[in-house]
């Protein structure tokens, strides 16, 4: 769900690759 997506997005500053996250 969107709550899970938000938890992943909170880590985006530590990502070295291009990452896209979504829920539906």
PDBML (XML) file of the C-alpha atoms, coordinates in Angstrom:
<?xml version="1.0" encoding="UTF-8" ?>
<PDBx:datablock datablockName="MODEL"
   xmlns:PDBx="http://pdbml.pdb.org/schema/pdbx-v50.xsd"
   xmlns:xsi="http://www.w3.org/2001/XMLSchema-instance"
   xsi:schemaLocation="http://pdbml.pdb.org/schema/pdbx-v50.xsd pdbx-v50.xsd">
   <PDBx:atom_siteCategory>
      <PDBx:atom_site id="1">
         <PDBx:B_iso_or_equiv>0.00</PDBx:B_iso_or_equiv>
         <PDBx:Cartn_x>0.000</PDBx:Cartn_x>
         <PDBx:Cartn_y>0.000</PDBx:Cartn_y>
         <PDBx:Cartn_z>0.000</PDBx:Cartn_z>
         <PDBx:auth_asym_id>A</PDBx:auth_asym_id>
         <PDBx:auth_atom_id>CA</PDBx:auth_atom_id>
         <PDBx:auth_comp_id>UNK</PDBx:auth_comp_id>
         <PDBx:auth_seq_id>1</PDBx:auth_seq_id>
         <PDBx:group_PDB>ATOM</PDBx:group_PDB>
         <PDBx:label_alt_id xsi:nil="true" />
         <PDBx:label_asym_id>A</PDBx:label_asym_id>
         <PDBx:label_atom_id>CA</PDBx:label_atom_id>
         <PDBx:label_comp_id>UNK</PDBx:label_comp_id>
         <PDBx:label_entity_id>1</PDBx:label_entity_id>
         <PDBx:label_seq_id>1</PDBx:label_seq_id>
         <PDBx:occupancy>1.00</PDBx:occupancy>
         <PDBx:pdbx_PDB_model_num>1</PDBx:pdbx_PDB_model_num>
         <PDBx:type_symbol>C</PDBx:type_symbol>
      </PDBx:atom_site>
      <PDBx:atom_site id="2">
         <PDBx:B_iso_or_equiv>0.00</PDBx:B_iso_or_equiv>
         <PDBx:Cartn_x>0.954</PDBx:Cartn_x>
         <PDBx:Cartn_y>3.665</PDBx:Cartn_y>
         <PDBx:Cartn_z>-0.006</PDBx:Cartn_z>
         <PDBx:auth_asym_id>A</PDBx:auth_asym_id>
         <PDBx:auth_atom_id>CA</PDBx:auth_atom_id>
         <PDBx:auth_comp_id>UNK</PDBx:auth_comp_id>
         <PDBx:auth_seq_id>2</PDBx:auth_seq_id>
         <PDBx:group_PDB>ATOM</PDBx:group_PDB>
         <PDBx:label_alt_id xsi:nil="true" />
         <PDBx:label_asym_id>A</PDBx:label_asym_id>
         <PDBx:label_atom_id>CA</PDBx:label_atom_id>
         <PDBx:label_comp_id>UNK</PDBx:label_comp_id>
         <PDBx:label_entity_id>1</PDBx:label_entity_id>
         <PDBx:label_seq_id>2</PDBx:label_seq_id>
         <PDBx:occupancy>1.00</PDBx:occupancy>
         <PDBx:pdbx_PDB_model_num>1</PDBx:pdbx_PDB_model_num>
         <PDBx:type_symbol>C</PDBx:type_symbol>
      </PDBx:atom_site>
      <PDBx:atom_site id="3">
         <PDBx:B_iso_or_equiv>0.00</PDBx:B_iso_or_equiv>
         <PDBx:Cartn_x>2.259</PDBx:Cartn_x>
         <PDBx:Cartn_y>3.451</PDBx:Cartn_y>
         <PDBx:Cartn_z>3.568</PDBx:Cartn_z>
         <PDBx:auth_asym_id>A</PDBx:auth_asym_id>
         <PDBx:auth_atom_id>CA</PDBx:auth_atom_id>
         <PDBx:auth_comp_id>UNK</PDBx:auth_comp_id>
         <PDBx:auth_seq_id>3</PDBx:auth_seq_id>
         <PDBx:group_PDB>ATOM</PDBx:group_PDB>
         <PDBx:label_alt_id xsi:nil="true" />
         <PDBx:label_asym_id>A</PDBx:label_asym_id>
         <PDBx:label_atom_id>CA</PDBx:label_atom_id>
         <PDBx:label_comp_id>UNK</PDBx:label_comp_id>
         <PDBx:label_entity_id>1</PDBx:label_entity_id>
         <PDBx:label_seq_id>3</PDBx:label_seq_id>
         <PDBx:occupancy>1.00</PDBx:occupancy>
         <PDBx:pdbx_PDB_model_num>1</PDBx:pdbx_PDB_model_num>
         <PDBx:type_symbol>C</PDBx:type_symbol>
      </PDBx:atom_site>
      <PDBx:atom_site id="4">
         <PDBx:B_iso_or_equiv>0.00</PDBx:B_iso_or_equiv>
         <PDBx:Cartn_x>4.780</PDBx:Cartn_x>
         <PDBx:Cartn_y>0.833</PDBx:Cartn_y>
         <PDBx:Cartn_z>2.449</PDBx:Cartn_z>
         <PDBx:auth_asym_id>A</PDBx:auth_asym_id>
         <PDBx:auth_atom_id>CA</PDBx:auth_atom_id>
         <PDBx:auth_comp_id>UNK</PDBx:auth_comp_id>
         <PDBx:auth_seq_id>4</PDBx:auth_seq_id>
         <PDBx:group_PDB>ATOM</PDBx:group_PDB>
         <PDBx:label_alt_id xsi:nil="true" />
         <PDBx:label_asym_id>A</PDBx:label_asym_id>
         <PDBx:label_atom_id>CA</PDBx:label_atom_id>
         <PDBx:label_comp_id>UNK</PDBx:label_comp_id>
         <PDBx:label_entity_id>1</PDBx:label_entity_id>
         <PDBx:label_seq_id>4</PDBx:label_seq_id>
         <PDBx:occupancy>1.00</PDBx:occupancy>
         <PDBx:pdbx_PDB_model_num>1</PDBx:pdbx_PDB_model_num>
         <PDBx:type_symbol>C</PDBx:type_symbol>
      </PDBx:atom_site>
      <PDBx:atom_site id="5">
         <PDBx:B_iso_or_equiv>0.00</PDBx:B_iso_or_equiv>
         <PDBx:Cartn_x>5.742</PDBx:Cartn_x>
         <PDBx:Cartn_y>2.972</PDBx:Cartn_y>
         <PDBx:Cartn_z>-0.539</PDBx:Cartn_z>
         <PDBx:auth_asym_id>A</PDBx:auth_asym_id>
         <PDBx:auth_atom_id>CA</PDBx:auth_atom_id>
         <PDBx:auth_comp_id>UNK</PDBx:auth_comp_id>
         <PDBx:auth_seq_id>5</PDBx:auth_seq_id>
         <PDBx:group_PDB>ATOM</PDBx:group_PDB>
         <PDBx:label_alt_id xsi:nil="true" />
         <PDBx:label_asym_id>A</PDBx:label_asym_id>
         <PDBx:label_atom_id>CA</PDBx:label_atom_id>
         <PDBx:label_comp_id>UNK</PDBx:label_comp_id>
         <PDBx:label_entity_id>1</PDBx:label_entity_id>
         <PDBx:label_seq_id>5</PDBx:label_seq_id>
         <PDBx:occupancy>1.00</PDBx:occupancy>
         <PDBx:pdbx_PDB_model_num>1</PDBx:pdbx_PDB_model_num>
         <PDBx:type_symbol>C</PDBx:type_symbol>
      </PDBx:atom_site>
      <PDBx:atom_site id="6">
         <PDBx:B_iso_or_equiv>0.00</PDBx:B_iso_or_equiv>
         <PDBx:Cartn_x>6.362</PDBx:Cartn_x>
         <PDBx:Cartn_y>5.935</PDBx:Cartn_y>
         <PDBx:Cartn_z>1.752</PDBx:Cartn_z>
         <PDBx:auth_asym_id>A</PDBx:auth_asym_id>
         <PDBx:auth_atom_id>CA</PDBx:auth_atom_id>
         <PDBx:auth_comp_id>UNK</PDBx:auth_comp_id>
         <PDBx:auth_seq_id>6</PDBx:auth_seq_id>
         <PDBx:group_PDB>ATOM</PDBx:group_PDB>
         <PDBx:label_alt_id xsi:nil="true" />
         <PDBx:label_asym_id>A</PDBx:label_asym_id>
         <PDBx:label_atom_id>CA</PDBx:label_atom_id>
         <PDBx:label_comp_id>UNK</PDBx:label_comp_id>
         <PDBx:label_entity_id>1</PDBx:label_entity_id>
         <PDBx:label_seq_id>6</PDBx:label_seq_id>
         <PDBx:occupancy>1.00</PDBx:occupancy>
         <PDBx:pdbx_PDB_model_num>1</PDBx:pdbx_PDB_model_num>
         <PDBx:type_symbol>C</PDBx:type_symbol>
      </PDBx:atom_site>
      <PDBx:atom_site id="7">
         <PDBx:B_iso_or_equiv>0.00</PDBx:B_iso_or_equiv>
         <PDBx:Cartn_x>8.660</PDBx:Cartn_x>
         <PDBx:Cartn_y>3.851</PDBx:Cartn_y>
         <PDBx:Cartn_z>3.968</PDBx:Cartn_z>
         <PDBx:auth_asym_id>A</PDBx:auth_asym_id>
         <PDBx:auth_atom_id>CA</PDBx:auth_atom_id>
         <PDBx:auth_comp_id>UNK</PDBx:auth_comp_id>
         <PDBx:auth_seq_id>7</PDBx:auth_seq_id>
         <PDBx:group_PDB>ATOM</PDBx:group_PDB>
         <PDBx:label_alt_id xsi:nil="true" />
         <PDBx:label_asym_id>A</PDBx:label_asym_id>
         <PDBx:label_atom_id>CA</PDBx:label_atom_id>
         <PDBx:label_comp_id>UNK</PDBx:label_comp_id>
         <PDBx:label_entity_id>1</PDBx:label_entity_id>
         <PDBx:label_seq_id>7</PDBx:label_seq_id>
         <PDBx:occupancy>1.00</PDBx:occupancy>
         <PDBx:pdbx_PDB_model_num>1</PDBx:pdbx_PDB_model_num>
         <PDBx:type_symbol>C</PDBx:type_symbol>
      </PDBx:atom_site>
      <PDBx:atom_site id="8">
         <PDBx:B_iso_or_equiv>0.00</PDBx:B_iso_or_equiv>
         <PDBx:Cartn_x>10.721</PDBx:Cartn_x>
         <PDBx:Cartn_y>2.948</PDBx:Cartn_y>
         <PDBx:Cartn_z>0.907</PDBx:Cartn_z>
         <PDBx:auth_asym_id>A</PDBx:auth_asym_id>
         <PDBx:auth_atom_id>CA</PDBx:auth_atom_id>
         <PDBx:auth_comp_id>UNK</PDBx:auth_comp_id>
         <PDBx:auth_seq_id>8</PDBx:auth_seq_id>
         <PDBx:group_PDB>ATOM</PDBx:group_PDB>
         <PDBx:label_alt_id xsi:nil="true" />
         <PDBx:label_asym_id>A</PDBx:label_asym_id>
         <PDBx:label_atom_id>CA</PDBx:label_atom_id>
         <PDBx:label_comp_id>UNK</PDBx:label_comp_id>
         <PDBx:label_entity_id>1</PDBx:label_entity_id>
         <PDBx:label_seq_id>8</PDBx:label_seq_id>
         <PDBx:occupancy>1.00</PDBx:occupancy>
         <PDBx:pdbx_PDB_model_num>1</PDBx:pdbx_PDB_model_num>
         <PDBx:type_symbol>C</PDBx:type_symbol>
      </PDBx:atom_site>
      <PDBx:atom_site id="9">
         <PDBx:B_iso_or_equiv>0.00</PDBx:B_iso_or_equiv>
         <PDBx:Cartn_x>10.776</PDBx:Cartn_x>
         <PDBx:Cartn_y>6.518</PDBx:Cartn_y>
         <PDBx:Cartn_z>-0.357</PDBx:Cartn_z>
         <PDBx:auth_asym_id>A</PDBx:auth_asym_id>
         <PDBx:auth_atom_id>CA</PDBx:auth_atom_id>
         <PDBx:auth_comp_id>UNK</PDBx:auth_comp_id>
         <PDBx:auth_seq_id>9</PDBx:auth_seq_id>
         <PDBx:group_PDB>ATOM</PDBx:group_PDB>
         <PDBx:label_alt_id xsi:nil="true" />
         <PDBx:label_asym_id>A</PDBx:label_asym_id>
         <PDBx:label_atom_id>CA</PDBx:label_atom_id>
         <PDBx:label_comp_id>UNK</PDBx:label_comp_id>
         <PDBx:label_entity_id>1</PDBx:label_entity_id>
         <PDBx:label_seq_id>9</PDBx:label_seq_id>
         <PDBx:occupancy>1.00</PDBx:occupancy>
         <PDBx:pdbx_PDB_model_num>1</PDBx:pdbx_PDB_model_num>
         <PDBx:type_symbol>C</PDBx:type_symbol>
      </PDBx:atom_site>
      <PDBx:atom_site id="10">
         <PDBx:B_iso_or_equiv>0.00</PDBx:B_iso_or_equiv>
         <PDBx:Cartn_x>12.126</PDBx:Cartn_x>
         <PDBx:Cartn_y>7.687</PDBx:Cartn_y>
         <PDBx:Cartn_z>2.984</PDBx:Cartn_z>
         <PDBx:auth_asym_id>A</PDBx:auth_asym_id>
         <PDBx:auth_atom_id>CA</PDBx:auth_atom_id>
         <PDBx:auth_comp_id>UNK</PDBx:auth_comp_id>
         <PDBx:auth_seq_id>10</PDBx:auth_seq_id>
         <PDBx:group_PDB>ATOM</PDBx:group_PDB>
         <PDBx:label_alt_id xsi:nil="true" />
         <PDBx:label_asym_id>A</PDBx:label_asym_id>
         <PDBx:label_atom_id>CA</PDBx:label_atom_id>
         <PDBx:label_comp_id>UNK</PDBx:label_comp_id>
         <PDBx:label_entity_id>1</PDBx:label_entity_id>
         <PDBx:label_seq_id>10</PDBx:label_seq_id>
         <PDBx:occupancy>1.00</PDBx:occupancy>
         <PDBx:pdbx_PDB_model_num>1</PDBx:pdbx_PDB_model_num>
         <PDBx:type_symbol>C</PDBx:type_symbol>
      </PDBx:atom_site>
      <PDBx:atom_site id="11">
         <PDBx:B_iso_or_equiv>0.00</PDBx:B_iso_or_equiv>
         <PDBx:Cartn_x>15.297</PDBx:Cartn_x>
         <PDBx:Cartn_y>5.732</PDBx:Cartn_y>
         <PDBx:Cartn_z>2.161</PDBx:Cartn_z>
         <PDBx:auth_asym_id>A</PDBx:auth_asym_id>
         <PDBx:auth_atom_id>CA</PDBx:auth_atom_id>
         <PDBx:auth_comp_id>UNK</PDBx:auth_comp_id>
         <PDBx:auth_seq_id>11</PDBx:auth_seq_id>
         <PDBx:group_PDB>ATOM</PDBx:group_PDB>
         <PDBx:label_alt_id xsi:nil="true" />
         <PDBx:label_asym_id>A</PDBx:label_asym_id>
         <PDBx:label_atom_id>CA</PDBx:label_atom_id>
         <PDBx:label_comp_id>UNK</PDBx:label_comp_id>
         <PDBx:label_entity_id>1</PDBx:label_entity_id>
         <PDBx:label_seq_id>11</PDBx:label_seq_id>
         <PDBx:occupancy>1.00</PDBx:occupancy>
         <PDBx:pdbx_PDB_model_num>1</PDBx:pdbx_PDB_model_num>
         <PDBx:type_symbol>C</PDBx:type_symbol>
      </PDBx:atom_site>
      <PDBx:atom_site id="12">
         <PDBx:B_iso_or_equiv>0.00</PDBx:B_iso_or_equiv>
         <PDBx:Cartn_x>15.681</PDBx:Cartn_x>
         <PDBx:Cartn_y>7.302</PDBx:Cartn_y>
         <PDBx:Cartn_z>-1.301</PDBx:Cartn_z>
         <PDBx:auth_asym_id>A</PDBx:auth_asym_id>
         <PDBx:auth_atom_id>CA</PDBx:auth_atom_id>
         <PDBx:auth_comp_id>UNK</PDBx:auth_comp_id>
         <PDBx:auth_seq_id>12</PDBx:auth_seq_id>
         <PDBx:group_PDB>ATOM</PDBx:group_PDB>
         <PDBx:label_alt_id xsi:nil="true" />
         <PDBx:label_asym_id>A</PDBx:label_asym_id>
         <PDBx:label_atom_id>CA</PDBx:label_atom_id>
         <PDBx:label_comp_id>UNK</PDBx:label_comp_id>
         <PDBx:label_entity_id>1</PDBx:label_entity_id>
         <PDBx:label_seq_id>12</PDBx:label_seq_id>
         <PDBx:occupancy>1.00</PDBx:occupancy>
         <PDBx:pdbx_PDB_model_num>1</PDBx:pdbx_PDB_model_num>
         <PDBx:type_symbol>C</PDBx:type_symbol>
      </PDBx:atom_site>
      <PDBx:atom_site id="13">
         <PDBx:B_iso_or_equiv>0.00</PDBx:B_iso_or_equiv>
         <PDBx:Cartn_x>18.535</PDBx:Cartn_x>
         <PDBx:Cartn_y>9.543</PDBx:Cartn_y>
         <PDBx:Cartn_z>-0.185</PDBx:Cartn_z>
         <PDBx:auth_asym_id>A</PDBx:auth_asym_id>
         <PDBx:auth_atom_id>CA</PDBx:auth_atom_id>
         <PDBx:auth_comp_id>UNK</PDBx:auth_comp_id>
         <PDBx:auth_seq_id>13</PDBx:auth_seq_id>
         <PDBx:group_PDB>ATOM</PDBx:group_PDB>
         <PDBx:label_alt_id xsi:nil="true" />
         <PDBx:label_asym_id>A</PDBx:label_asym_id>
         <PDBx:label_atom_id>CA</PDBx:label_atom_id>
         <PDBx:label_comp_id>UNK</PDBx:label_comp_id>
         <PDBx:label_entity_id>1</PDBx:label_entity_id>
         <PDBx:label_seq_id>13</PDBx:label_seq_id>
         <PDBx:occupancy>1.00</PDBx:occupancy>
         <PDBx:pdbx_PDB_model_num>1</PDBx:pdbx_PDB_model_num>
         <PDBx:type_symbol>C</PDBx:type_symbol>
      </PDBx:atom_site>
      <PDBx:atom_site id="14">
         <PDBx:B_iso_or_equiv>0.00</PDBx:B_iso_or_equiv>
         <PDBx:Cartn_x>20.662</PDBx:Cartn_x>
         <PDBx:Cartn_y>6.429</PDBx:Cartn_y>
         <PDBx:Cartn_z>0.394</PDBx:Cartn_z>
         <PDBx:auth_asym_id>A</PDBx:auth_asym_id>
         <PDBx:auth_atom_id>CA</PDBx:auth_atom_id>
         <PDBx:auth_comp_id>UNK</PDBx:auth_comp_id>
         <PDBx:auth_seq_id>14</PDBx:auth_seq_id>
         <PDBx:group_PDB>ATOM</PDBx:group_PDB>
         <PDBx:label_alt_id xsi:nil="true" />
         <PDBx:label_asym_id>A</PDBx:label_asym_id>
         <PDBx:label_atom_id>CA</PDBx:label_atom_id>
         <PDBx:label_comp_id>UNK</PDBx:label_comp_id>
         <PDBx:label_entity_id>1</PDBx:label_entity_id>
         <PDBx:label_seq_id>14</PDBx:label_seq_id>
         <PDBx:occupancy>1.00</PDBx:occupancy>
         <PDBx:pdbx_PDB_model_num>1</PDBx:pdbx_PDB_model_num>
         <PDBx:type_symbol>C</PDBx:type_symbol>
      </PDBx:atom_site>
      <PDBx:atom_site id="15">
         <PDBx:B_iso_or_equiv>0.00</PDBx:B_iso_or_equiv>
         <PDBx:Cartn_x>19.946</PDBx:Cartn_x>
         <PDBx:Cartn_y>4.869</PDBx:Cartn_y>
         <PDBx:Cartn_z>-3.009</PDBx:Cartn_z>
         <PDBx:auth_asym_id>A</PDBx:auth_asym_id>
         <PDBx:auth_atom_id>CA</PDBx:auth_atom_id>
         <PDBx:auth_comp_id>UNK</PDBx:auth_comp_id>
         <PDBx:auth_seq_id>15</PDBx:auth_seq_id>
         <PDBx:group_PDB>ATOM</PDBx:group_PDB>
         <PDBx:label_alt_id xsi:nil="true" />
         <PDBx:label_asym_id>A</PDBx:label_asym_id>
         <PDBx:label_atom_id>CA</PDBx:label_atom_id>
         <PDBx:label_comp_id>UNK</PDBx:label_comp_id>
         <PDBx:label_entity_id>1</PDBx:label_entity_id>
         <PDBx:label_seq_id>15</PDBx:label_seq_id>
         <PDBx:occupancy>1.00</PDBx:occupancy>
         <PDBx:pdbx_PDB_model_num>1</PDBx:pdbx_PDB_model_num>
         <PDBx:type_symbol>C</PDBx:type_symbol>
      </PDBx:atom_site>
      <PDBx:atom_site id="16">
         <PDBx:B_iso_or_equiv>0.00</PDBx:B_iso_or_equiv>
         <PDBx:Cartn_x>22.744</PDBx:Cartn_x>
         <PDBx:Cartn_y>4.807</PDBx:Cartn_y>
         <PDBx:Cartn_z>-5.566</PDBx:Cartn_z>
         <PDBx:auth_asym_id>A</PDBx:auth_asym_id>
         <PDBx:auth_atom_id>CA</PDBx:auth_atom_id>
         <PDBx:auth_comp_id>UNK</PDBx:auth_comp_id>
         <PDBx:auth_seq_id>16</PDBx:auth_seq_id>
         <PDBx:group_PDB>ATOM</PDBx:group_PDB>
         <PDBx:label_alt_id xsi:nil="true" />
         <PDBx:label_asym_id>A</PDBx:label_asym_id>
         <PDBx:label_atom_id>CA</PDBx:label_atom_id>
         <PDBx:label_comp_id>UNK</PDBx:label_comp_id>
         <PDBx:label_entity_id>1</PDBx:label_entity_id>
         <PDBx:label_seq_id>16</PDBx:label_seq_id>
         <PDBx:occupancy>1.00</PDBx:occupancy>
         <PDBx:pdbx_PDB_model_num>1</PDBx:pdbx_PDB_model_num>
         <PDBx:type_symbol>C</PDBx:type_symbol>
      </PDBx:atom_site>
      <PDBx:atom_site id="17">
         <PDBx:B_iso_or_equiv>0.00</PDBx:B_iso_or_equiv>
         <PDBx:Cartn_x>20.572</PDBx:Cartn_x>
         <PDBx:Cartn_y>3.531</PDBx:Cartn_y>
         <PDBx:Cartn_z>-8.420</PDBx:Cartn_z>
         <PDBx:auth_asym_id>A</PDBx:auth_asym_id>
         <PDBx:auth_atom_id>CA</PDBx:auth_atom_id>
         <PDBx:auth_comp_id>UNK</PDBx:auth_comp_id>
         <PDBx:auth_seq_id>17</PDBx:auth_seq_id>
         <PDBx:group_PDB>ATOM</PDBx:group_PDB>
         <PDBx:label_alt_id xsi:nil="true" />
         <PDBx:label_asym_id>A</PDBx:label_asym_id>
         <PDBx:label_atom_id>CA</PDBx:label_atom_id>
         <PDBx:label_comp_id>UNK</PDBx:label_comp_id>
         <PDBx:label_entity_id>1</PDBx:label_entity_id>
         <PDBx:label_seq_id>17</PDBx:label_seq_id>
         <PDBx:occupancy>1.00</PDBx:occupancy>
         <PDBx:pdbx_PDB_model_num>1</PDBx:pdbx_PDB_model_num>
         <PDBx:type_symbol>C</PDBx:type_symbol>
      </PDBx:atom_site>
      <PDBx:atom_site id="18">
         <PDBx:B_iso_or_equiv>0.00</PDBx:B_iso_or_equiv>
         <PDBx:Cartn_x>17.506</PDBx:Cartn_x>
         <PDBx:Cartn_y>5.014</PDBx:Cartn_y>
         <PDBx:Cartn_z>-10.054</PDBx:Cartn_z>
         <PDBx:auth_asym_id>A</PDBx:auth_asym_id>
         <PDBx:auth_atom_id>CA</PDBx:auth_atom_id>
         <PDBx:auth_comp_id>UNK</PDBx:auth_comp_id>
         <PDBx:auth_seq_id>18</PDBx:auth_seq_id>
         <PDBx:group_PDB>ATOM</PDBx:group_PDB>
         <PDBx:label_alt_id xsi:nil="true" />
         <PDBx:label_asym_id>A</PDBx:label_asym_id>
         <PDBx:label_atom_id>CA</PDBx:label_atom_id>
         <PDBx:label_comp_id>UNK</PDBx:label_comp_id>
         <PDBx:label_entity_id>1</PDBx:label_entity_id>
         <PDBx:label_seq_id>18</PDBx:label_seq_id>
         <PDBx:occupancy>1.00</PDBx:occupancy>
         <PDBx:pdbx_PDB_model_num>1</PDBx:pdbx_PDB_model_num>
         <PDBx:type_symbol>C</PDBx:type_symbol>
      </PDBx:atom_site>
      <PDBx:atom_site id="19">
         <PDBx:B_iso_or_equiv>0.00</PDBx:B_iso_or_equiv>
         <PDBx:Cartn_x>14.512</PDBx:Cartn_x>
         <PDBx:Cartn_y>3.670</PDBx:Cartn_y>
         <PDBx:Cartn_z>-8.143</PDBx:Cartn_z>
         <PDBx:auth_asym_id>A</PDBx:auth_asym_id>
         <PDBx:auth_atom_id>CA</PDBx:auth_atom_id>
         <PDBx:auth_comp_id>UNK</PDBx:auth_comp_id>
         <PDBx:auth_seq_id>19</PDBx:auth_seq_id>
         <PDBx:group_PDB>ATOM</PDBx:group_PDB>
         <PDBx:label_alt_id xsi:nil="true" />
         <PDBx:label_asym_id>A</PDBx:label_asym_id>
         <PDBx:label_atom_id>CA</PDBx:label_atom_id>
         <PDBx:label_comp_id>UNK</PDBx:label_comp_id>
         <PDBx:label_entity_id>1</PDBx:label_entity_id>
         <PDBx:label_seq_id>19</PDBx:label_seq_id>
         <PDBx:occupancy>1.00</PDBx:occupancy>
         <PDBx:pdbx_PDB_model_num>1</PDBx:pdbx_PDB_model_num>
         <PDBx:type_symbol>C</PDBx:type_symbol>
      </PDBx:atom_site>
      <PDBx:atom_site id="20">
         <PDBx:B_iso_or_equiv>0.00</PDBx:B_iso_or_equiv>
         <PDBx:Cartn_x>10.787</PDBx:Cartn_x>
         <PDBx:Cartn_y>4.095</PDBx:Cartn_y>
         <PDBx:Cartn_z>-8.742</PDBx:Cartn_z>
         <PDBx:auth_asym_id>A</PDBx:auth_asym_id>
         <PDBx:auth_atom_id>CA</PDBx:auth_atom_id>
         <PDBx:auth_comp_id>UNK</PDBx:auth_comp_id>
         <PDBx:auth_seq_id>20</PDBx:auth_seq_id>
         <PDBx:group_PDB>ATOM</PDBx:group_PDB>
         <PDBx:label_alt_id xsi:nil="true" />
         <PDBx:label_asym_id>A</PDBx:label_asym_id>
         <PDBx:label_atom_id>CA</PDBx:label_atom_id>
         <PDBx:label_comp_id>UNK</PDBx:label_comp_id>
         <PDBx:label_entity_id>1</PDBx:label_entity_id>
         <PDBx:label_seq_id>20</PDBx:label_seq_id>
         <PDBx:occupancy>1.00</PDBx:occupancy>
         <PDBx:pdbx_PDB_model_num>1</PDBx:pdbx_PDB_model_num>
         <PDBx:type_symbol>C</PDBx:type_symbol>
      </PDBx:atom_site>
      <PDBx:atom_site id="21">
         <PDBx:B_iso_or_equiv>0.00</PDBx:B_iso_or_equiv>
         <PDBx:Cartn_x>8.133</PDBx:Cartn_x>
         <PDBx:Cartn_y>2.884</PDBx:Cartn_y>
         <PDBx:Cartn_z>-6.288</PDBx:Cartn_z>
         <PDBx:auth_asym_id>A</PDBx:auth_asym_id>
         <PDBx:auth_atom_id>CA</PDBx:auth_atom_id>
         <PDBx:auth_comp_id>UNK</PDBx:auth_comp_id>
         <PDBx:auth_seq_id>21</PDBx:auth_seq_id>
         <PDBx:group_PDB>ATOM</PDBx:group_PDB>
         <PDBx:label_alt_id xsi:nil="true" />
         <PDBx:label_asym_id>A</PDBx:label_asym_id>
         <PDBx:label_atom_id>CA</PDBx:label_atom_id>
         <PDBx:label_comp_id>UNK</PDBx:label_comp_id>
         <PDBx:label_entity_id>1</PDBx:label_entity_id>
         <PDBx:label_seq_id>21</PDBx:label_seq_id>
         <PDBx:occupancy>1.00</PDBx:occupancy>
         <PDBx:pdbx_PDB_model_num>1</PDBx:pdbx_PDB_model_num>
         <PDBx:type_symbol>C</PDBx:type_symbol>
      </PDBx:atom_site>
      <PDBx:atom_site id="22">
         <PDBx:B_iso_or_equiv>0.00</PDBx:B_iso_or_equiv>
         <PDBx:Cartn_x>4.375</PDBx:Cartn_x>
         <PDBx:Cartn_y>2.726</PDBx:Cartn_y>
         <PDBx:Cartn_z>-6.605</PDBx:Cartn_z>
         <PDBx:auth_asym_id>A</PDBx:auth_asym_id>
         <PDBx:auth_atom_id>CA</PDBx:auth_atom_id>
         <PDBx:auth_comp_id>UNK</PDBx:auth_comp_id>
         <PDBx:auth_seq_id>22</PDBx:auth_seq_id>
         <PDBx:group_PDB>ATOM</PDBx:group_PDB>
         <PDBx:label_alt_id xsi:nil="true" />
         <PDBx:label_asym_id>A</PDBx:label_asym_id>
         <PDBx:label_atom_id>CA</PDBx:label_atom_id>
         <PDBx:label_comp_id>UNK</PDBx:label_comp_id>
         <PDBx:label_entity_id>1</PDBx:label_entity_id>
         <PDBx:label_seq_id>22</PDBx:label_seq_id>
         <PDBx:occupancy>1.00</PDBx:occupancy>
         <PDBx:pdbx_PDB_model_num>1</PDBx:pdbx_PDB_model_num>
         <PDBx:type_symbol>C</PDBx:type_symbol>
      </PDBx:atom_site>
      <PDBx:atom_site id="23">
         <PDBx:B_iso_or_equiv>0.00</PDBx:B_iso_or_equiv>
         <PDBx:Cartn_x>1.320</PDBx:Cartn_x>
         <PDBx:Cartn_y>0.931</PDBx:Cartn_y>
         <PDBx:Cartn_z>-5.211</PDBx:Cartn_z>
         <PDBx:auth_asym_id>A</PDBx:auth_asym_id>
         <PDBx:auth_atom_id>CA</PDBx:auth_atom_id>
         <PDBx:auth_comp_id>UNK</PDBx:auth_comp_id>
         <PDBx:auth_seq_id>23</PDBx:auth_seq_id>
         <PDBx:group_PDB>ATOM</PDBx:group_PDB>
         <PDBx:label_alt_id xsi:nil="true" />
         <PDBx:label_asym_id>A</PDBx:label_asym_id>
         <PDBx:label_atom_id>CA</PDBx:label_atom_id>
         <PDBx:label_comp_id>UNK</PDBx:label_comp_id>
         <PDBx:label_entity_id>1</PDBx:label_entity_id>
         <PDBx:label_seq_id>23</PDBx:label_seq_id>
         <PDBx:occupancy>1.00</PDBx:occupancy>
         <PDBx:pdbx_PDB_model_num>1</PDBx:pdbx_PDB_model_num>
         <PDBx:type_symbol>C</PDBx:type_symbol>
      </PDBx:atom_site>
      <PDBx:atom_site id="24">
         <PDBx:B_iso_or_equiv>0.00</PDBx:B_iso_or_equiv>
         <PDBx:Cartn_x>-2.014</PDBx:Cartn_x>
         <PDBx:Cartn_y>0.073</PDBx:Cartn_y>
         <PDBx:Cartn_z>-6.791</PDBx:Cartn_z>
         <PDBx:auth_asym_id>A</PDBx:auth_asym_id>
         <PDBx:auth_atom_id>CA</PDBx:auth_atom_id>
         <PDBx:auth_comp_id>UNK</PDBx:auth_comp_id>
         <PDBx:auth_seq_id>24</PDBx:auth_seq_id>
         <PDBx:group_PDB>ATOM</PDBx:group_PDB>
         <PDBx:label_alt_id xsi:nil="true" />
         <PDBx:label_asym_id>A</PDBx:label_asym_id>
         <PDBx:label_atom_id>CA</PDBx:label_atom_id>
         <PDBx:label_comp_id>UNK</PDBx:label_comp_id>
         <PDBx:label_entity_id>1</PDBx:label_entity_id>
         <PDBx:label_seq_id>24</PDBx:label_seq_id>
         <PDBx:occupancy>1.00</PDBx:occupancy>
         <PDBx:pdbx_PDB_model_num>1</PDBx:pdbx_PDB_model_num>
         <PDBx:type_symbol>C</PDBx:type_symbol>
      </PDBx:atom_site>
   </PDBx:atom_siteCategory>
</PDBx:datablock>
